[in-house]
Every structure is written in structure tokens, then in C-alpha cells.
Amino acid sequence: MRLTLLKSAAEPNVDADREIHKFNYSLYPHIGNWREGKVQVMAYKFNCHSYAEIENAHFGTLPEQLSLVSLNKENVIIEVVKKAEDSEDIIVRMFEFQNKRTKVKCSMLKEIECVSETDLLENSFKEIDVHDNNFEFEIKPYEIKTFKVKLIC
């Protein structure tokens, strides 16, 4: 086994990439192929760190598990949850990573007023049916999907 961390050309710039580089890598032994071993999920956890903020105690109760948005399929990863550029709506962007056409159910913490599928510039092009705080869609292999979600306040 060999690991190449940096390959740098000397032409046309002899000084290209001639500085200090830092690398993190991980070995993840698993049974079966990369899909069965959930290598993509482990790689994502390794590369995308969680952030925490310390808060003072405040009143209220929460369930043991709580998520603003969740999916019912393991081969689709939510990449972005953010405020829309042109409204108070929420943008949810995800992608399929196991080369599988999949019917996905997306659940939101709060009740949804409406959902539209958008392009990467957040231009809506298709309305999506909503049931309570859920909507369903089909995603193609390796496809990126973006949705604009308006919650009931």
C-alpha cells in the first residue's frame, strides 16, 4: 500500500507548491465493498467537523434526538442547510453518493407551508407536494438536489 499526499509539477513554475503542507488521513478497515462498509459516511464524518457553542441553561424540554431536517435514506447526504439568499426560507441541498436511484422522504422539525425544487442559484422551478412536515422526491445516481422550504411560523 502506498499513499501519495502531494504531487507537484516543476514546470512552468519551479516554486509551485513548495511550502509547508499539513495532511490528515485515516485508515478505515471494513468488511465488504465501500458501500457495505459505509466508507462515504465515515469519510464525511472525518472531514466535516461538528461545532458546539456553550450556552447557559434555559427552560424547556427537548426529546433525546432532535433534527431540523432529516432523510430516511442512508445513500443521500444533506450538504447544506442555510437561509435562502432572497427570502427567509430555508435552503436544503443534498446529494446521492452510491449510484442508486432513490425515493427519499425529507422530514422537517417544524410544519412546512410549501417546498419548491431549485437550481443551485436558488431559482425555483418545481413545486413539491407537502404532507405535514414531510415531502418526498426521487433522486438520481450522484445527483445534487436543492429545495427551498417555507416553514409555518
Protein backbone atom coordinates (compact mmCIF):
# COMPACT_ATOMS: atom_id res chain seq x y z
CA MET A 1 0.00 0.00 0.00
CA ARG A 2 1.27 3.47 -0.84
CA LEU A 3 -0.09 6.93 -0.08
CA THR A 4 0.69 9.94 -2.28
CA LEU A 5 -0.10 13.14 -0.40
CA LEU A 6 1.14 15.76 -2.87
CA LYS A 7 2.18 15.67 -6.49
CA SER A 8 3.67 18.95 -7.64
CA ALA A 9 4.95 19.90 -11.06
CA ALA A 10 8.17 21.89 -11.59
CA GLU A 11 7.04 23.40 -14.89
CA PRO A 12 6.21 26.17 -15.66
CA ASN A 13 6.71 27.40 -12.07
CA VAL A 14 9.64 25.75 -10.27
CA ASP A 15 8.37 27.10 -6.92
CA ALA A 16 4.81 25.82 -7.27
CA ASP A 17 3.53 24.15 -4.06
CA ARG A 18 6.96 24.48 -2.42
CA GLU A 19 5.75 25.32 1.05
CA ILE A 20 4.70 23.54 4.22
CA HIS A 21 1.65 21.30 3.76
CA LYS A 22 -0.34 19.60 6.51
CA PHE A 23 -2.37 16.45 5.88
CA ASN A 24 -4.83 14.42 7.86
CA TYR A 25 -5.67 10.90 6.81
CA SER A 26 -7.36 7.93 8.33
CA LEU A 27 -7.36 4.18 7.71
CA TYR A 28 -10.82 2.66 7.94
CA PRO A 29 -10.83 -1.13 7.80
CA HIS A 30 -14.26 -2.52 6.88
CA ILE A 31 -15.99 -5.65 5.66
CA GLY A 32 -17.32 -5.77 2.11
CA ASN A 33 -17.11 -3.08 -0.56
CA TRP A 34 -17.08 0.66 0.09
CA ARG A 35 -20.89 0.80 0.07
CA GLU A 36 -21.35 -2.03 2.56
CA GLY A 37 -18.60 -0.55 4.75
CA LYS A 38 -20.24 2.91 4.67
CA VAL A 39 -16.88 4.45 3.72
CA GLN A 40 -18.52 7.66 2.35
CA VAL A 41 -20.29 8.27 5.67
CA MET A 42 -17.10 7.73 7.68
CA ALA A 43 -15.11 9.98 5.30
CA TYR A 44 -17.74 12.69 5.66
CA LYS A 45 -17.58 12.46 9.48
CA PHE A 46 -13.77 12.65 9.31
CA ASN A 47 -13.73 15.72 7.04
CA CYS A 48 -16.74 17.69 8.36
CA HIS A 49 -16.26 18.55 11.99
CA SER A 50 -19.11 19.34 14.34
CA TYR A 51 -19.22 22.71 16.03
CA ALA A 52 -20.57 23.34 19.50
CA GLU A 53 -21.40 26.51 21.36
CA ILE A 54 -21.64 26.68 25.14
CA GLU A 55 -24.93 28.11 26.36
CA ASN A 56 -26.28 28.91 29.78
CA ALA A 57 -29.09 26.65 30.96
CA HIS A 58 -32.55 27.78 29.90
CA PHE A 59 -36.08 26.50 30.33
CA GLY A 60 -37.72 23.97 28.06
CA THR A 61 -37.55 20.32 27.22
CA LEU A 62 -36.29 18.58 24.14
CA PRO A 63 -36.51 14.96 23.07
CA GLU A 64 -33.40 12.77 23.21
CA GLN A 65 -32.97 13.13 19.45
CA LEU A 66 -33.89 16.25 17.50
CA SER A 67 -33.09 17.32 13.96
CA LEU A 68 -34.08 20.39 11.96
CA VAL A 69 -34.09 18.26 8.80
CA SER A 70 -33.58 14.53 8.25
CA LEU A 71 -33.74 11.98 5.44
CA ASN A 72 -34.92 8.38 5.55
CA LYS A 73 -32.21 7.00 3.21
CA GLU A 74 -28.53 6.39 4.02
CA ASN A 75 -27.26 6.93 0.46
CA VAL A 76 -28.22 10.62 0.43
CA ILE A 77 -26.29 13.22 2.45
CA ILE A 78 -27.53 16.68 3.37
CA GLU A 79 -24.70 19.03 2.46
CA VAL A 80 -26.25 22.45 3.14
CA VAL A 81 -28.96 23.86 5.41
CA LYS A 82 -28.98 27.66 5.24
CA LYS A 83 -31.15 30.72 4.93
CA ALA A 84 -32.16 31.49 1.35
CA GLU A 85 -30.37 34.38 -0.34
CA ASP A 86 -33.58 36.24 -1.27
CA SER A 87 -36.07 35.34 1.49
CA GLU A 88 -36.48 33.93 4.99
CA ASP A 89 -36.97 30.43 3.54
CA ILE A 90 -34.58 27.58 4.27
CA ILE A 91 -32.38 26.04 1.58
CA VAL A 92 -31.68 22.30 1.92
CA ARG A 93 -29.12 20.85 -0.51
CA MET A 94 -28.24 17.16 -0.70
CA PHE A 95 -26.60 14.60 -2.97
CA GLU A 96 -26.78 10.88 -3.68
CA PHE A 97 -23.45 9.07 -3.36
CA GLN A 98 -23.97 5.33 -4.00
CA ASN A 99 -25.06 5.37 -7.65
CA LYS A 100 -28.67 4.45 -6.74
CA ARG A 101 -31.91 5.98 -7.96
CA THR A 102 -33.78 6.52 -4.69
CA LYS A 103 -37.17 7.68 -3.44
CA VAL A 104 -36.43 9.87 -0.42
CA LYS A 105 -38.60 11.26 2.38
CA CYS A 106 -37.37 14.52 3.91
CA SER A 107 -38.72 15.46 7.36
CA MET A 108 -38.50 18.90 8.94
CA LEU A 109 -38.75 19.76 12.63
CA LYS A 110 -41.46 22.36 12.01
CA GLU A 111 -44.54 22.23 9.83
CA ILE A 112 -43.93 23.13 6.19
CA GLU A 113 -46.02 25.67 4.30
CA CYS A 114 -44.54 24.93 0.86
CA VAL A 115 -41.47 23.43 -0.84
CA SER A 116 -40.00 24.07 -4.26
CA GLU A 117 -37.10 22.43 -6.02
CA THR A 118 -34.50 24.95 -7.13
CA ASP A 119 -31.34 25.11 -9.17
CA LEU A 120 -28.01 25.83 -7.47
CA LEU A 121 -28.71 29.58 -7.73
CA GLU A 122 -31.93 29.05 -5.72
CA ASN A 123 -34.26 29.76 -8.66
CA SER A 124 -37.44 27.70 -8.11
CA PHE A 125 -38.61 25.51 -10.98
CA LYS A 126 -40.89 22.85 -9.47
CA GLU A 127 -43.40 22.80 -6.60
CA ILE A 128 -43.22 19.73 -4.34
CA ASP A 129 -46.21 18.19 -2.54
CA VAL A 130 -46.08 18.57 1.24
CA HIS A 131 -47.67 16.35 3.89
CA ASP A 132 -47.46 17.76 7.46
CA ASN A 133 -43.73 18.31 7.97
CA ASN A 134 -42.57 15.94 5.19
CA PHE A 135 -42.01 15.92 1.46
CA GLU A 136 -40.89 13.17 -0.91
CA PHE A 137 -38.82 13.19 -4.09
CA GLU A 138 -36.77 10.92 -6.30
CA ILE A 139 -33.04 11.48 -6.67
CA LYS A 140 -30.91 10.02 -9.48
CA PRO A 141 -27.47 8.45 -9.02
CA TYR A 142 -24.91 11.10 -7.95
CA GLU A 143 -27.48 13.88 -8.41
CA ILE A 144 -27.46 17.11 -6.40
CA LYS A 145 -30.90 18.33 -5.27
CA THR A 146 -31.73 21.72 -3.78
CA PHE A 147 -35.03 22.63 -2.12
CA LYS A 148 -36.41 25.92 -0.84
CA VAL A 149 -38.59 25.28 2.21
CA LYS A 150 -41.03 27.79 3.69
CA LEU A 151 -41.96 26.87 7.26
CA ILE A 152 -45.18 27.80 9.04
CA CYS A 153 -44.22 30.20 11.81
